[in-house]
Amino acid sequence: MDWLELLFGDEDANFLLEIALRSVIMFLLIFLGLRVAGRRGVRQLSIFELLIIISLGSAAGDPMIYKEIGILNSLVAFAVVFFVY
């Protein structure tokens, strides 16, 4: 069993820094989007708003860990979700 391949997969250790940067960017985008939506607490959320949060989380998750998926793709998904909202 190759422990390095198990831990890092096909990517090198430098991709961990890229994952950290992508995660920070996506966190800030979600945070900004939810602030723009104006909700502050979970108790204030309707079912539709909960679906928006789940959609944003799903759209934000992929570019955090997959090199092939760019952040711009998630921004388009964010824009569509907020437009529908």
PDB file of N, CA and C in Angstrom:
ATOM      1  N   MET A   1       0.848  -1.181   0.000  1.00  0.00           N
ATOM      2  CA  MET A   1       0.000   0.000   0.000  1.00  0.00           C
ATOM      3  C   MET A   1       0.893   1.243   0.000  1.00  0.00           C
ATOM      4  N   ASP A   2       0.620   2.154  -0.916  1.00  0.00           N
ATOM      5  CA  ASP A   2       1.378   3.394  -1.040  1.00  0.00           C
ATOM      6  C   ASP A   2       0.668   4.489  -0.251  1.00  0.00           C
ATOM      7  N   TRP A   3       1.237   4.869   0.889  1.00  0.00           N
ATOM      8  CA  TRP A   3       0.600   5.845   1.764  1.00  0.00           C
ATOM      9  C   TRP A   3       0.540   7.228   1.147  1.00  0.00           C
ATOM     10  N   LEU A   4       1.563   7.614   0.388  1.00  0.00           N
ATOM     11  CA  LEU A   4       1.544   8.936  -0.243  1.00  0.00           C
ATOM     12  C   LEU A   4       0.420   9.043  -1.260  1.00  0.00           C
ATOM     13  N   GLU A   5       0.220   7.991  -2.041  1.00  0.00           N
ATOM     14  CA  GLU A   5      -0.882   8.026  -3.006  1.00  0.00           C
ATOM     15  C   GLU A   5      -2.226   8.001  -2.301  1.00  0.00           C
ATOM     16  N   LEU A   6      -2.301   7.287  -1.190  1.00  0.00           N
ATOM     17  CA  LEU A   6      -3.543   7.242  -0.419  1.00  0.00           C
ATOM     18  C   LEU A   6      -3.874   8.617   0.155  1.00  0.00           C
ATOM     19  N   LEU A   7      -2.862   9.329   0.617  1.00  0.00           N
ATOM     20  CA  LEU A   7      -3.093  10.637   1.229  1.00  0.00           C
ATOM     21  C   LEU A   7      -3.274  11.757   0.215  1.00  0.00           C
ATOM     22  N   PHE A   8      -2.470  11.751  -0.849  1.00  0.00           N
ATOM     23  CA  PHE A   8      -2.479  12.867  -1.793  1.00  0.00           C
ATOM     24  C   PHE A   8      -3.206  12.552  -3.098  1.00  0.00           C
ATOM     25  N   GLY A   9      -3.484  11.296  -3.404  1.00  0.00           N
ATOM     26  CA  GLY A   9      -4.089  10.936  -4.677  1.00  0.00           C
ATOM     27  C   GLY A   9      -3.098  11.153  -5.803  1.00  0.00           C
ATOM     28  N   ASP A  10      -3.569  11.667  -6.917  1.00  0.00           N
ATOM     29  CA  ASP A  10      -2.706  11.915  -8.071  1.00  0.00           C
ATOM     30  C   ASP A  10      -2.029  13.282  -8.025  1.00  0.00           C
ATOM     31  N   GLU A  11      -2.400  14.120  -7.083  1.00  0.00           N
ATOM     32  CA  GLU A  11      -1.867  15.481  -7.002  1.00  0.00           C
ATOM     33  C   GLU A  11      -0.653  15.531  -6.080  1.00  0.00           C
ATOM     34  N   ASP A  12       0.130  16.576  -6.240  1.00  0.00           N
ATOM     35  CA  ASP A  12       1.278  16.759  -5.365  1.00  0.00           C
ATOM     36  C   ASP A  12       0.877  17.580  -4.134  1.00  0.00           C
ATOM     37  N   ALA A  13       1.819  17.748  -3.233  1.00  0.00           N
ATOM     38  CA  ALA A  13       1.533  18.453  -1.977  1.00  0.00           C
ATOM     39  C   ALA A  13       1.197  19.922  -2.211  1.00  0.00           C
ATOM     40  N   ASN A  14       1.662  20.517  -3.301  1.00  0.00           N
ATOM     41  CA  ASN A  14       1.354  21.924  -3.581  1.00  0.00           C
ATOM     42  C   ASN A  14      -0.132  22.146  -3.829  1.00  0.00           C
ATOM     43  N   PHE A  15      -0.829  21.118  -4.293  1.00  0.00           N
ATOM     44  CA  PHE A  15      -2.261  21.265  -4.536  1.00  0.00           C
ATOM     45  C   PHE A  15      -3.022  21.481  -3.229  1.00  0.00           C
ATOM     46  N   LEU A  16      -2.447  21.048  -2.095  1.00  0.00           N
ATOM     47  CA  LEU A  16      -3.085  21.299  -0.799  1.00  0.00           C
ATOM     48  C   LEU A  16      -3.205  22.797  -0.529  1.00  0.00           C
ATOM     49  N   LEU A  17      -2.193  23.552  -0.915  1.00  0.00           N
ATOM     50  CA  LEU A  17      -2.269  25.010  -0.759  1.00  0.00           C
ATOM     51  C   LEU A  17      -3.341  25.593  -1.669  1.00  0.00           C
ATOM     52  N   GLU A  18      -3.457  25.053  -2.877  1.00  0.00           N
ATOM     53  CA  GLU A  18      -4.497  25.526  -3.787  1.00  0.00           C
ATOM     54  C   GLU A  18      -5.883  25.197  -3.239  1.00  0.00           C
ATOM     55  N   ILE A  19      -6.029  24.013  -2.638  1.00  0.00           N
ATOM     56  CA  ILE A  19      -7.307  23.645  -2.018  1.00  0.00           C
ATOM     57  C   ILE A  19      -7.650  24.615  -0.902  1.00  0.00           C
ATOM     58  N   ALA A  20      -6.659  24.975  -0.089  1.00  0.00           N
ATOM     59  CA  ALA A  20      -6.902  25.922   1.002  1.00  0.00           C
ATOM     60  C   ALA A  20      -7.347  27.269   0.452  1.00  0.00           C
ATOM     61  N   LEU A  21      -6.685  27.756  -0.583  1.00  0.00           N
ATOM     62  CA  LEU A  21      -7.053  29.034  -1.179  1.00  0.00           C
ATOM     63  C   LEU A  21      -8.446  28.970  -1.800  1.00  0.00           C
ATOM     64  N   ARG A  22      -8.730  27.901  -2.527  1.00  0.00           N
ATOM     65  CA  ARG A  22     -10.057  27.738  -3.131  1.00  0.00           C
ATOM     66  C   ARG A  22     -11.140  27.688  -2.057  1.00  0.00           C
ATOM     67  N   SER A  23     -10.865  27.003  -0.949  1.00  0.00           N
ATOM     68  CA  SER A  23     -11.844  26.893   0.136  1.00  0.00           C
ATOM     69  C   SER A  23     -12.131  28.241   0.767  1.00  0.00           C
ATOM     70  N   VAL A  24     -11.102  29.044   0.970  1.00  0.00           N
ATOM     71  CA  VAL A  24     -11.290  30.374   1.545  1.00  0.00           C
ATOM     72  C   VAL A  24     -12.119  31.239   0.602  1.00  0.00           C
ATOM     73  N   ILE A  25     -11.808  31.187  -0.691  1.00  0.00           N
ATOM     74  CA  ILE A  25     -12.557  31.977  -1.667  1.00  0.00           C
ATOM     75  C   ILE A  25     -14.021  31.559  -1.680  1.00  0.00           C
ATOM     76  N   MET A  26     -14.288  30.256  -1.717  1.00  0.00           N
ATOM     77  CA  MET A  26     -15.670  29.775  -1.777  1.00  0.00           C
ATOM     78  C   MET A  26     -16.416  30.106  -0.481  1.00  0.00           C
ATOM     79  N   PHE A  27     -15.738  30.010   0.660  1.00  0.00           N
ATOM     80  CA  PHE A  27     -16.369  30.374   1.930  1.00  0.00           C
ATOM     81  C   PHE A  27     -16.791  31.837   1.917  1.00  0.00           C
ATOM     82  N   LEU A  28     -15.894  32.701   1.469  1.00  0.00           N
ATOM     83  CA  LEU A  28     -16.207  34.130   1.433  1.00  0.00           C
ATOM     84  C   LEU A  28     -17.347  34.423   0.463  1.00  0.00           C
ATOM     85  N   LEU A  29     -17.382  33.719  -0.672  1.00  0.00           N
ATOM     86  CA  LEU A  29     -18.474  33.928  -1.628  1.00  0.00           C
ATOM     87  C   LEU A  29     -19.814  33.495  -1.050  1.00  0.00           C
ATOM     88  N   ILE A  30     -19.837  32.358  -0.374  1.00  0.00           N
ATOM     89  CA  ILE A  30     -21.092  31.899   0.244  1.00  0.00           C
ATOM     90  C   ILE A  30     -21.505  32.854   1.357  1.00  0.00           C
ATOM     91  N   PHE A  31     -20.547  33.269   2.180  1.00  0.00           N
ATOM     92  CA  PHE A  31     -20.845  34.181   3.266  1.00  0.00           C
ATOM     93  C   PHE A  31     -21.425  35.490   2.738  1.00  0.00           C
ATOM     94  N   LEU A  32     -20.798  36.039   1.706  1.00  0.00           N
ATOM     95  CA  LEU A  32     -21.280  37.268   1.094  1.00  0.00           C
ATOM     96  C   LEU A  32     -22.674  37.073   0.504  1.00  0.00           C
ATOM     97  N   GLY A  33     -22.878  35.959  -0.171  1.00  0.00           N
ATOM     98  CA  GLY A  33     -24.183  35.687  -0.769  1.00  0.00           C
ATOM     99  C   GLY A  33     -25.287  35.569   0.271  1.00  0.00           C
ATOM    100  N   LEU A  34     -24.997  34.913   1.368  1.00  0.00           N
ATOM    101  CA  LEU A  34     -26.017  34.773   2.411  1.00  0.00           C
ATOM    102  C   LEU A  34     -26.283  36.108   3.112  1.00  0.00           C
ATOM    103  N   ARG A  35     -25.260  36.940   3.245  1.00  0.00           N
ATOM    104  CA  ARG A  35     -25.469  38.274   3.829  1.00  0.00           C
ATOM    105  C   ARG A  35     -26.319  39.131   2.912  1.00  0.00           C
ATOM    106  N   VAL A  36     -26.085  39.006   1.614  1.00  0.00           N
ATOM    107  CA  VAL A  36     -26.894  39.760   0.651  1.00  0.00           C
ATOM    108  C   VAL A  36     -28.345  39.291   0.714  1.00  0.00           C
ATOM    109  N   ALA A  37     -28.542  38.000   0.921  1.00  0.00           N
ATOM    110  CA  ALA A  37     -29.896  37.464   1.035  1.00  0.00           C
ATOM    111  C   ALA A  37     -30.602  37.992   2.279  1.00  0.00           C
ATOM    112  N   GLY A  38     -29.821  38.395   3.291  1.00  0.00           N
ATOM    113  CA  GLY A  38     -30.396  39.082   4.435  1.00  0.00           C
ATOM    114  C   GLY A  38     -30.827  38.198   5.588  1.00  0.00           C
ATOM    115  N   ARG A  39     -30.544  36.921   5.546  1.00  0.00           N
ATOM    116  CA  ARG A  39     -30.936  36.048   6.654  1.00  0.00           C
ATOM    117  C   ARG A  39     -29.788  35.904   7.633  1.00  0.00           C
ATOM    118  N   ARG A  40     -30.123  35.925   8.912  1.00  0.00           N
ATOM    119  CA  ARG A  40     -29.082  35.866   9.933  1.00  0.00           C
ATOM    120  C   ARG A  40     -29.137  34.607  10.778  1.00  0.00           C
ATOM    121  N   GLY A  41     -30.257  33.965  10.867  1.00  0.00           N
ATOM    122  CA  GLY A  41     -30.359  32.791  11.724  1.00  0.00           C
ATOM    123  C   GLY A  41     -31.104  31.664  11.058  1.00  0.00           C
ATOM    124  N   VAL A  42     -30.852  30.461  11.528  1.00  0.00           N
ATOM    125  CA  VAL A  42     -31.485  29.279  10.954  1.00  0.00           C
ATOM    126  C   VAL A  42     -32.985  29.294  11.209  1.00  0.00           C
ATOM    127  N   ARG A  43     -33.412  29.827  12.305  1.00  0.00           N
ATOM    128  CA  ARG A  43     -34.845  29.862  12.621  1.00  0.00           C
ATOM    129  C   ARG A  43     -35.638  30.723  11.655  1.00  0.00           C
ATOM    130  N   GLN A  44     -34.975  31.667  11.007  1.00  0.00           N
ATOM    131  CA  GLN A  44     -35.653  32.559  10.071  1.00  0.00           C
ATOM    132  C   GLN A  44     -35.782  31.971   8.675  1.00  0.00           C
ATOM    133  N   LEU A  45     -35.191  30.810   8.435  1.00  0.00           N
ATOM    134  CA  LEU A  45     -35.144  30.246   7.090  1.00  0.00           C
ATOM    135  C   LEU A  45     -36.435  29.522   6.728  1.00  0.00           C
ATOM    136  N   SER A  46     -36.888  29.759   5.516  1.00  0.00           N
ATOM    137  CA  SER A  46     -37.993  28.977   4.978  1.00  0.00           C
ATOM    138  C   SER A  46     -37.403  27.746   4.292  1.00  0.00           C
ATOM    139  N   ILE A  47     -38.249  26.842   3.851  1.00  0.00           N
ATOM    140  CA  ILE A  47     -37.793  25.648   3.143  1.00  0.00           C
ATOM    141  C   ILE A  47     -37.042  26.045   1.874  1.00  0.00           C
ATOM    142  N   PHE A  48     -37.550  27.036   1.159  1.00  0.00           N
ATOM    143  CA  PHE A  48     -36.915  27.484  -0.074  1.00  0.00           C
ATOM    144  C   PHE A  48     -35.518  28.035   0.198  1.00  0.00           C
ATOM    145  N   GLU A  49     -35.368  28.792   1.274  1.00  0.00           N
ATOM    146  CA  GLU A  49     -34.065  29.351   1.611  1.00  0.00           C
ATOM    147  C   GLU A  49     -33.091  28.260   2.059  1.00  0.00           C
ATOM    148  N   LEU A  50     -33.594  27.249   2.716  1.00  0.00           N
ATOM    149  CA  LEU A  50     -32.751  26.112   3.083  1.00  0.00           C
ATOM    150  C   LEU A  50     -32.252  25.399   1.830  1.00  0.00           C
ATOM    151  N   LEU A  51     -33.113  25.271   0.826  1.00  0.00           N
ATOM    152  CA  LEU A  51     -32.692  24.689  -0.444  1.00  0.00           C
ATOM    153  C   LEU A  51     -31.609  25.534  -1.114  1.00  0.00           C
ATOM    154  N   ILE A  52     -31.714  26.840  -0.997  1.00  0.00           N
ATOM    155  CA  ILE A  52     -30.694  27.722  -1.558  1.00  0.00           C
ATOM    156  C   ILE A  52     -29.348  27.472  -0.880  1.00  0.00           C
ATOM    157  N   ILE A  53     -29.360  27.342   0.427  1.00  0.00           N
ATOM    158  CA  ILE A  53     -28.116  27.103   1.161  1.00  0.00           C
ATOM    159  C   ILE A  53     -27.500  25.772   0.754  1.00  0.00           C
ATOM    160  N   ILE A  54     -28.318  24.747   0.624  1.00  0.00           N
ATOM    161  CA  ILE A  54     -27.808  23.446   0.199  1.00  0.00           C
ATOM    162  C   ILE A  54     -27.258  23.529  -1.218  1.00  0.00           C
ATOM    163  N   SER A  55     -27.940  24.242  -2.094  1.00  0.00           N
ATOM    164  CA  SER A  55     -27.470  24.409  -3.481  1.00  0.00           C
ATOM    165  C   SER A  55     -26.143  25.147  -3.529  1.00  0.00           C
ATOM    166  N   LEU A  56     -26.028  26.200  -2.737  1.00  0.00           N
ATOM    167  CA  LEU A  56     -24.771  26.946  -2.712  1.00  0.00           C
ATOM    168  C   LEU A  56     -23.628  26.086  -2.170  1.00  0.00           C
ATOM    169  N   GLY A  57     -23.921  25.310  -1.158  1.00  0.00           N
ATOM    170  CA  GLY A  57     -22.895  24.420  -0.609  1.00  0.00           C
ATOM    171  C   GLY A  57     -22.447  23.380  -1.612  1.00  0.00           C
ATOM    172  N   SER A  58     -23.392  22.851  -2.352  1.00  0.00           N
ATOM    173  CA  SER A  58     -23.050  21.869  -3.376  1.00  0.00           C
ATOM    174  C   SER A  58     -22.232  22.509  -4.496  1.00  0.00           C
ATOM    175  N   ALA A  59     -22.625  23.692  -4.925  1.00  0.00           N
ATOM    176  CA  ALA A  59     -21.896  24.383  -5.984  1.00  0.00           C
ATOM    177  C   ALA A  59     -20.508  24.805  -5.523  1.00  0.00           C
ATOM    178  N   ALA A  60     -20.368  25.099  -4.253  1.00  0.00           N
ATOM    179  CA  ALA A  60     -19.076  25.545  -3.724  1.00  0.00           C
ATOM    180  C   ALA A  60     -18.128  24.385  -3.446  1.00  0.00           C
ATOM    181  N   GLY A  61     -18.669  23.215  -3.181  1.00  0.00           N
ATOM    182  CA  GLY A  61     -17.829  22.091  -2.784  1.00  0.00           C
ATOM    183  C   GLY A  61     -16.920  21.567  -3.876  1.00  0.00           C
ATOM    184  N   ASP A  62     -17.422  21.472  -5.080  1.00  0.00           N
ATOM    185  CA  ASP A  62     -16.631  20.876  -6.157  1.00  0.00           C
ATOM    186  C   ASP A  62     -15.360  21.654  -6.490  1.00  0.00           C
ATOM    187  N   PRO A  63     -15.432  22.977  -6.671  1.00  0.00           N
ATOM    188  CA  PRO A  63     -14.176  23.669  -6.992  1.00  0.00           C
ATOM    189  C   PRO A  63     -13.182  23.714  -5.843  1.00  0.00           C
ATOM    190  N   MET A  64     -13.638  23.416  -4.645  1.00  0.00           N
ATOM    191  CA  MET A  64     -12.706  23.391  -3.529  1.00  0.00           C
ATOM    192  C   MET A  64     -11.716  22.242  -3.662  1.00  0.00           C
ATOM    193  N   ILE A  65     -12.159  21.096  -4.179  1.00  0.00           N
ATOM    194  CA  ILE A  65     -11.286  19.924  -4.164  1.00  0.00           C
ATOM    195  C   ILE A  65     -10.958  19.363  -5.534  1.00  0.00           C
ATOM    196  N   TYR A  66     -11.666  19.756  -6.574  1.00  0.00           N
ATOM    197  CA  TYR A  66     -11.390  19.237  -7.911  1.00  0.00           C
ATOM    198  C   TYR A  66     -10.674  20.285  -8.737  1.00  0.00           C
ATOM    199  N   LYS A  67      -9.493  19.933  -9.203  1.00  0.00           N
ATOM    200  CA  LYS A  67      -8.680  20.857  -9.982  1.00  0.00           C
ATOM    201  C   LYS A  67      -9.329  21.210 -11.315  1.00  0.00           C
ATOM    202  N   GLU A  68     -10.090  20.270 -11.879  1.00  0.00           N
ATOM    203  CA  GLU A  68     -10.691  20.469 -13.200  1.00  0.00           C
ATOM    204  C   GLU A  68     -11.811  21.505 -13.188  1.00  0.00           C
ATOM    205  N   ILE A  69     -12.404  21.753 -12.033  1.00  0.00           N
ATOM    206  CA  ILE A  69     -13.549  22.653 -11.941  1.00  0.00           C
ATOM    207  C   ILE A  69     -13.078  24.004 -11.429  1.00  0.00           C
ATOM    208  N   GLY A  70     -13.288  25.016 -12.228  1.00  0.00           N
ATOM    209  CA  GLY A  70     -12.852  26.356 -11.853  1.00  0.00           C
ATOM    210  C   GLY A  70     -13.852  27.058 -10.947  1.00  0.00           C
ATOM    211  N   ILE A  71     -13.395  28.082 -10.298  1.00  0.00           N
ATOM    212  CA  ILE A  71     -14.240  28.856  -9.390  1.00  0.00           C
ATOM    213  C   ILE A  71     -15.309  29.617 -10.166  1.00  0.00           C
ATOM    214  N   LEU A  72     -14.988  30.021 -11.384  1.00  0.00           N
ATOM    215  CA  LEU A  72     -15.957  30.747 -12.204  1.00  0.00           C
ATOM    216  C   LEU A  72     -17.209  29.910 -12.462  1.00  0.00           C
ATOM    217  N   ASN A  73     -17.050  28.600 -12.591  1.00  0.00           N
ATOM    218  CA  ASN A  73     -18.210  27.720 -12.776  1.00  0.00           C
ATOM    219  C   ASN A  73     -19.173  27.836 -11.596  1.00  0.00           C
ATOM    220  N   SER A  74     -18.630  27.889 -10.395  1.00  0.00           N
ATOM    221  CA  SER A  74     -19.475  28.024  -9.211  1.00  0.00           C
ATOM    222  C   SER A  74     -20.113  29.402  -9.137  1.00  0.00           C
ATOM    223  N   LEU A  75     -19.398  30.416  -9.582  1.00  0.00           N
ATOM    224  CA  LEU A  75     -19.978  31.754  -9.581  1.00  0.00           C
ATOM    225  C   LEU A  75     -21.205  31.816 -10.489  1.00  0.00           C
ATOM    226  N   VAL A  76     -21.153  31.119 -11.607  1.00  0.00           N
ATOM    227  CA  VAL A  76     -22.316  31.066 -12.496  1.00  0.00           C
ATOM    228  C   VAL A  76     -23.471  30.363 -11.782  1.00  0.00           C
ATOM    229  N   ALA A  77     -23.174  29.254 -11.112  1.00  0.00           N
ATOM    230  CA  ALA A  77     -24.217  28.545 -10.363  1.00  0.00           C
ATOM    231  C   ALA A  77     -24.783  29.436  -9.261  1.00  0.00           C
ATOM    232  N   PHE A  78     -23.923  30.176  -8.562  1.00  0.00           N
ATOM    233  CA  PHE A  78     -24.387  31.104  -7.528  1.00  0.00           C
ATOM    234  C   PHE A  78     -25.328  32.144  -8.124  1.00  0.00           C
ATOM    235  N   ALA A  79     -24.921  32.708  -9.248  1.00  0.00           N
ATOM    236  CA  ALA A  79     -25.746  33.741  -9.882  1.00  0.00           C
ATOM    237  C   ALA A  79     -27.109  33.203 -10.269  1.00  0.00           C
ATOM    238  N   VAL A  80     -27.140  31.991 -10.799  1.00  0.00           N
ATOM    239  CA  VAL A  80     -28.429  31.392 -11.185  1.00  0.00           C
ATOM    240  C   VAL A  80     -29.301  31.156  -9.951  1.00  0.00           C
ATOM    241  N   VAL A  81     -28.706  30.625  -8.887  1.00  0.00           N
ATOM    242  CA  VAL A  81     -29.472  30.357  -7.660  1.00  0.00           C
ATOM    243  C   VAL A  81     -30.026  31.649  -7.090  1.00  0.00           C
ATOM    244  N   PHE A  82     -29.216  32.708  -7.050  1.00  0.00           N
ATOM    245  CA  PHE A  82     -29.713  33.976  -6.517  1.00  0.00           C
ATOM    246  C   PHE A  82     -30.716  34.635  -7.441  1.00  0.00           C
ATOM    247  N   PHE A  83     -30.566  34.437  -8.744  1.00  0.00           N
ATOM    248  CA  PHE A  83     -31.541  34.966  -9.692  1.00  0.00           C
ATOM    249  C   PHE A  83     -32.894  34.289  -9.507  1.00  0.00           C
ATOM    250  N   VAL A  84     -32.881  32.974  -9.307  1.00  0.00           N
ATOM    251  CA  VAL A  84     -34.124  32.232  -9.077  1.00  0.00           C
ATOM    252  C   VAL A  84     -34.739  32.664  -7.763  1.00  0.00           C
ATOM    253  N   TYR A  85     -33.909  32.956  -6.769  1.00  0.00           N
ATOM    254  CA  TYR A  85     -34.396  33.403  -5.457  1.00  0.00           C
ATOM    255  C   TYR A  85     -35.083  34.740  -5.579  1.00  0.00           C
TER     256      TYR A  85
END
